[in-house]
């Protein structure tokens, strides 16, 4: 079971924008190989950093409105959002240590 919460166009505002802690959003799709490859890293990060960071996943196939609003053109794309604003963007698959280091550095 994934440690990352599924978010939708409908729940975006309350789950992400109004969050009292920073949120890492994983824009992904079921058919995306690199997205699937990053899945375990996203779950591990959610487990390790759950106290200081909320980690959510948005399926771009079924939630096109939010992906379009944030200009997500390729997946996986990761947005770090603090106080409702995007503060950092990452794209593509990468090793876990590099992924975590980039997130921690942006916090």
N, C-alpha and C. Protein backbone atom coordinates (compact mmCIF):
# COMPACT_ATOMS: atom_id res chain seq x y z
N UNK A 1 0.84 -1.20 0.00
CA UNK A 1 0.00 0.00 0.00
C UNK A 1 0.88 1.25 0.00
N UNK A 2 0.55 2.16 -0.86
CA UNK A 2 1.34 3.38 -0.99
C UNK A 2 1.20 4.28 0.23
N UNK A 3 2.31 4.88 0.63
CA UNK A 3 2.32 5.86 1.71
C UNK A 3 1.85 7.22 1.19
N UNK A 4 1.88 7.41 -0.12
CA UNK A 4 1.48 8.68 -0.72
C UNK A 4 -0.03 8.68 -0.93
N UNK A 5 -0.65 9.77 -0.58
CA UNK A 5 -2.09 9.94 -0.70
C UNK A 5 -2.46 10.27 -2.14
N UNK A 6 -3.51 9.64 -2.65
CA UNK A 6 -4.01 9.98 -3.97
C UNK A 6 -4.80 11.28 -3.87
N UNK A 7 -4.53 12.19 -4.80
CA UNK A 7 -5.24 13.46 -4.84
C UNK A 7 -5.86 13.59 -6.24
N UNK A 8 -6.97 14.32 -6.33
CA UNK A 8 -7.68 14.49 -7.59
C UNK A 8 -7.90 15.98 -7.85
N UNK A 9 -8.43 16.29 -9.04
CA UNK A 9 -8.79 17.68 -9.33
C UNK A 9 -9.72 18.22 -8.25
N UNK A 10 -10.63 17.38 -7.78
CA UNK A 10 -11.63 17.79 -6.79
C UNK A 10 -11.03 18.03 -5.41
N UNK A 11 -10.06 17.21 -5.02
CA UNK A 11 -9.50 17.33 -3.66
C UNK A 11 -8.22 18.18 -3.62
N UNK A 12 -7.78 18.67 -4.77
CA UNK A 12 -6.52 19.42 -4.87
C UNK A 12 -6.47 20.60 -3.89
N UNK A 13 -7.46 21.43 -3.93
CA UNK A 13 -7.47 22.66 -3.12
C UNK A 13 -7.30 22.37 -1.63
N UNK A 14 -8.11 21.46 -1.09
CA UNK A 14 -8.05 21.19 0.34
C UNK A 14 -6.84 20.37 0.74
N UNK A 15 -6.43 19.43 -0.10
CA UNK A 15 -5.32 18.55 0.24
C UNK A 15 -3.96 19.19 0.03
N UNK A 16 -3.81 19.95 -1.05
CA UNK A 16 -2.50 20.50 -1.42
C UNK A 16 -2.38 21.99 -1.09
N UNK A 17 -3.25 22.79 -1.65
CA UNK A 17 -3.14 24.24 -1.51
C UNK A 17 -3.32 24.69 -0.06
N UNK A 18 -4.25 24.08 0.65
CA UNK A 18 -4.52 24.49 2.02
C UNK A 18 -3.74 23.68 3.06
N UNK A 19 -2.78 22.87 2.63
CA UNK A 19 -2.01 22.04 3.56
C UNK A 19 -1.20 22.91 4.52
N UNK A 20 -1.13 22.46 5.77
CA UNK A 20 -0.35 23.18 6.78
C UNK A 20 1.13 22.81 6.75
N UNK A 21 1.51 21.88 5.88
CA UNK A 21 2.93 21.54 5.70
C UNK A 21 3.23 21.46 4.21
N UNK A 22 4.50 21.53 3.83
CA UNK A 22 4.84 21.43 2.40
C UNK A 22 4.31 20.13 1.80
N UNK A 23 4.00 20.18 0.50
CA UNK A 23 3.45 19.02 -0.19
C UNK A 23 4.29 18.72 -1.43
N UNK A 24 4.72 17.48 -1.56
CA UNK A 24 5.38 17.02 -2.78
C UNK A 24 4.32 16.29 -3.59
N UNK A 25 4.08 16.78 -4.82
CA UNK A 25 3.07 16.19 -5.69
C UNK A 25 3.77 15.41 -6.80
N UNK A 26 3.41 14.15 -6.93
CA UNK A 26 3.90 13.28 -8.00
C UNK A 26 2.83 13.23 -9.08
N UNK A 27 3.09 13.88 -10.23
CA UNK A 27 2.19 13.79 -11.38
C UNK A 27 2.61 12.56 -12.17
N UNK A 28 1.72 11.60 -12.31
CA UNK A 28 2.05 10.30 -12.89
C UNK A 28 0.87 9.76 -13.69
N UNK A 29 1.08 8.64 -14.35
CA UNK A 29 0.00 7.90 -15.02
C UNK A 29 0.36 6.41 -15.00
N UNK A 30 -0.66 5.59 -15.02
CA UNK A 30 -0.49 4.13 -14.95
C UNK A 30 0.37 3.59 -16.09
N UNK A 31 0.26 4.16 -17.27
CA UNK A 31 0.97 3.66 -18.45
C UNK A 31 2.43 4.14 -18.53
N UNK A 32 2.85 4.99 -17.62
CA UNK A 32 4.18 5.63 -17.68
C UNK A 32 5.24 4.78 -16.96
N UNK A 33 6.17 4.22 -17.74
CA UNK A 33 7.24 3.39 -17.16
C UNK A 33 8.10 4.12 -16.14
N UNK A 34 8.63 5.32 -16.47
CA UNK A 34 9.44 6.05 -15.48
C UNK A 34 8.64 6.41 -14.22
N UNK A 35 7.34 6.65 -14.38
CA UNK A 35 6.50 6.93 -13.22
C UNK A 35 6.44 5.72 -12.29
N UNK A 36 6.25 4.55 -12.90
CA UNK A 36 6.22 3.31 -12.12
C UNK A 36 7.56 3.07 -11.44
N UNK A 37 8.65 3.38 -12.15
CA UNK A 37 9.99 3.21 -11.59
C UNK A 37 10.20 4.10 -10.36
N UNK A 38 9.58 5.28 -10.36
CA UNK A 38 9.73 6.22 -9.24
C UNK A 38 8.77 5.91 -8.09
N UNK A 39 7.78 5.06 -8.32
CA UNK A 39 6.80 4.74 -7.29
C UNK A 39 7.38 4.33 -5.95
N UNK A 40 8.32 3.37 -5.92
CA UNK A 40 8.91 2.98 -4.65
C UNK A 40 9.67 4.13 -3.96
N UNK A 41 10.31 4.99 -4.74
CA UNK A 41 11.01 6.13 -4.15
C UNK A 41 10.03 7.13 -3.55
N UNK A 42 8.92 7.35 -4.23
CA UNK A 42 7.89 8.26 -3.72
C UNK A 42 7.33 7.72 -2.41
N UNK A 43 7.05 6.42 -2.37
CA UNK A 43 6.52 5.80 -1.16
C UNK A 43 7.54 5.86 -0.02
N UNK A 44 8.80 5.60 -0.33
CA UNK A 44 9.85 5.63 0.70
C UNK A 44 10.01 7.04 1.26
N UNK A 45 9.98 8.03 0.39
CA UNK A 45 10.08 9.42 0.85
C UNK A 45 8.90 9.78 1.73
N UNK A 46 7.70 9.35 1.35
CA UNK A 46 6.50 9.62 2.16
C UNK A 46 6.64 9.00 3.55
N UNK A 47 7.20 7.80 3.60
CA UNK A 47 7.38 7.12 4.88
C UNK A 47 8.45 7.80 5.73
N UNK A 48 9.57 8.14 5.12
CA UNK A 48 10.69 8.73 5.86
C UNK A 48 10.44 10.18 6.29
N UNK A 49 9.71 10.93 5.49
CA UNK A 49 9.56 12.36 5.76
C UNK A 49 8.13 12.77 6.10
N UNK A 50 7.29 11.79 6.42
CA UNK A 50 5.88 12.06 6.69
C UNK A 50 5.61 13.10 7.75
N UNK A 51 6.53 13.27 8.70
CA UNK A 51 6.33 14.24 9.76
C UNK A 51 6.48 15.68 9.30
N UNK A 52 7.29 15.88 8.27
CA UNK A 52 7.56 17.25 7.84
C UNK A 52 7.08 17.58 6.43
N UNK A 53 6.61 16.56 5.72
CA UNK A 53 6.23 16.73 4.33
C UNK A 53 5.07 15.81 3.99
N UNK A 54 4.07 16.34 3.31
CA UNK A 54 2.97 15.51 2.81
C UNK A 54 3.33 15.12 1.38
N UNK A 55 3.18 13.84 1.05
CA UNK A 55 3.47 13.35 -0.30
C UNK A 55 2.18 12.84 -0.90
N UNK A 56 1.85 13.37 -2.09
CA UNK A 56 0.62 12.97 -2.77
C UNK A 56 0.91 12.61 -4.21
N UNK A 57 0.00 11.85 -4.81
CA UNK A 57 0.11 11.43 -6.21
C UNK A 57 -1.13 11.88 -6.95
N UNK A 58 -0.94 12.46 -8.14
CA UNK A 58 -2.06 12.86 -8.98
C UNK A 58 -1.95 12.14 -10.31
N UNK A 59 -2.95 11.31 -10.61
CA UNK A 59 -2.99 10.57 -11.87
C UNK A 59 -3.41 11.53 -12.98
N UNK A 60 -2.48 11.88 -13.85
CA UNK A 60 -2.74 12.88 -14.90
C UNK A 60 -3.73 12.38 -15.94
N UNK A 61 -3.87 11.08 -16.07
CA UNK A 61 -4.81 10.50 -17.03
C UNK A 61 -6.25 10.84 -16.65
N UNK A 62 -6.52 10.84 -15.35
CA UNK A 62 -7.88 11.05 -14.86
C UNK A 62 -8.11 12.43 -14.25
N UNK A 63 -7.05 13.23 -14.15
CA UNK A 63 -7.15 14.56 -13.53
C UNK A 63 -6.41 15.58 -14.38
N UNK A 64 -6.94 15.81 -15.56
CA UNK A 64 -6.26 16.66 -16.54
C UNK A 64 -6.29 18.15 -16.17
N UNK A 65 -7.30 18.58 -15.44
CA UNK A 65 -7.45 19.99 -15.11
C UNK A 65 -6.26 20.52 -14.30
N UNK A 66 -5.89 19.82 -13.24
CA UNK A 66 -4.79 20.27 -12.39
C UNK A 66 -3.46 20.19 -13.13
N UNK A 67 -3.24 19.11 -13.86
CA UNK A 67 -1.99 18.99 -14.62
C UNK A 67 -1.86 20.14 -15.62
N UNK A 68 -2.94 20.48 -16.30
CA UNK A 68 -2.91 21.58 -17.26
C UNK A 68 -2.67 22.92 -16.57
N UNK A 69 -3.30 23.12 -15.44
CA UNK A 69 -3.16 24.38 -14.69
C UNK A 69 -1.71 24.65 -14.31
N UNK A 70 -0.97 23.59 -13.98
CA UNK A 70 0.42 23.73 -13.56
C UNK A 70 1.41 23.48 -14.70
N UNK A 71 0.91 23.35 -15.92
CA UNK A 71 1.77 23.22 -17.09
C UNK A 71 2.57 21.93 -17.14
N UNK A 72 2.03 20.87 -16.57
CA UNK A 72 2.72 19.58 -16.58
C UNK A 72 2.58 18.98 -17.98
N UNK A 73 3.72 18.93 -18.69
CA UNK A 73 3.72 18.45 -20.08
C UNK A 73 4.34 17.06 -20.21
N UNK A 74 5.14 16.66 -19.24
CA UNK A 74 5.75 15.33 -19.26
C UNK A 74 5.70 14.76 -17.85
N UNK A 75 5.70 13.44 -17.78
CA UNK A 75 5.66 12.79 -16.48
C UNK A 75 6.75 11.74 -16.39
N UNK A 76 7.25 11.45 -15.22
CA UNK A 76 6.81 12.03 -13.96
C UNK A 76 7.34 13.46 -13.77
N UNK A 77 6.48 14.29 -13.22
CA UNK A 77 6.86 15.63 -12.79
C UNK A 77 6.52 15.72 -11.31
N UNK A 78 7.40 16.35 -10.55
CA UNK A 78 7.20 16.51 -9.12
C UNK A 78 7.21 17.99 -8.80
N UNK A 79 6.17 18.46 -8.11
CA UNK A 79 6.11 19.85 -7.67
C UNK A 79 6.17 19.87 -6.15
N UNK A 80 7.00 20.74 -5.60
CA UNK A 80 7.03 20.97 -4.17
C UNK A 80 6.27 22.26 -3.93
N UNK A 81 5.20 22.16 -3.16
CA UNK A 81 4.31 23.30 -2.93
C UNK A 81 4.32 23.65 -1.45
N UNK A 82 4.62 24.93 -1.17
CA UNK A 82 4.59 25.45 0.20
C UNK A 82 3.63 26.62 0.23
N UNK A 83 2.76 26.63 1.22
CA UNK A 83 1.79 27.73 1.38
C UNK A 83 1.05 28.02 0.08
N UNK A 84 0.70 26.97 -0.65
CA UNK A 84 -0.08 27.11 -1.86
C UNK A 84 0.69 27.52 -3.11
N UNK A 85 2.01 27.70 -3.00
CA UNK A 85 2.83 28.14 -4.13
C UNK A 85 3.87 27.08 -4.50
N UNK A 86 4.12 26.92 -5.80
CA UNK A 86 5.16 26.00 -6.26
C UNK A 86 6.51 26.63 -5.95
N UNK A 87 7.35 25.93 -5.19
CA UNK A 87 8.67 26.44 -4.85
C UNK A 87 9.79 25.66 -5.53
N UNK A 88 9.46 24.48 -6.08
CA UNK A 88 10.49 23.69 -6.76
C UNK A 88 9.81 22.69 -7.70
N UNK A 89 10.44 22.45 -8.84
CA UNK A 89 9.94 21.48 -9.83
C UNK A 89 11.05 20.51 -10.20
N UNK A 90 10.72 19.23 -10.28
CA UNK A 90 11.65 18.19 -10.73
C UNK A 90 10.94 17.37 -11.79
N UNK A 91 11.71 16.90 -12.76
CA UNK A 91 11.12 16.05 -13.81
C UNK A 91 11.98 14.82 -14.04
N UNK A 92 11.32 13.72 -14.38
CA UNK A 92 12.01 12.51 -14.74
C UNK A 92 12.36 11.63 -13.56
N UNK A 93 12.82 10.43 -13.89
CA UNK A 93 13.21 9.45 -12.89
C UNK A 93 14.65 9.69 -12.48
N UNK A 94 14.95 9.42 -11.21
CA UNK A 94 16.32 9.54 -10.70
C UNK A 94 16.49 8.60 -9.52
N UNK A 95 17.73 8.31 -9.16
CA UNK A 95 17.97 7.43 -8.01
C UNK A 95 17.39 8.05 -6.73
N UNK A 96 17.00 7.19 -5.78
CA UNK A 96 16.35 7.66 -4.56
C UNK A 96 17.17 8.71 -3.82
N UNK A 97 18.46 8.46 -3.64
CA UNK A 97 19.28 9.40 -2.86
C UNK A 97 19.28 10.79 -3.49
N UNK A 98 19.37 10.86 -4.80
CA UNK A 98 19.36 12.14 -5.51
C UNK A 98 17.98 12.79 -5.40
N UNK A 99 16.94 11.99 -5.51
CA UNK A 99 15.57 12.46 -5.40
C UNK A 99 15.33 13.08 -4.02
N UNK A 100 15.68 12.34 -2.97
CA UNK A 100 15.48 12.82 -1.61
C UNK A 100 16.32 14.07 -1.35
N UNK A 101 17.57 14.06 -1.79
CA UNK A 101 18.44 15.21 -1.57
C UNK A 101 17.88 16.48 -2.21
N UNK A 102 17.31 16.34 -3.39
CA UNK A 102 16.74 17.50 -4.07
C UNK A 102 15.52 18.01 -3.33
N UNK A 103 14.68 17.11 -2.84
CA UNK A 103 13.51 17.53 -2.07
C UNK A 103 13.94 18.22 -0.77
N UNK A 104 14.84 17.61 -0.05
CA UNK A 104 15.31 18.18 1.22
C UNK A 104 15.95 19.55 0.98
N UNK A 105 16.73 19.66 -0.09
CA UNK A 105 17.38 20.93 -0.40
C UNK A 105 16.38 22.03 -0.73
N UNK A 106 15.25 21.66 -1.28
CA UNK A 106 14.23 22.66 -1.67
C UNK A 106 13.32 23.04 -0.49
N UNK A 107 13.32 22.22 0.55
CA UNK A 107 12.48 22.52 1.70
C UNK A 107 13.04 23.72 2.46
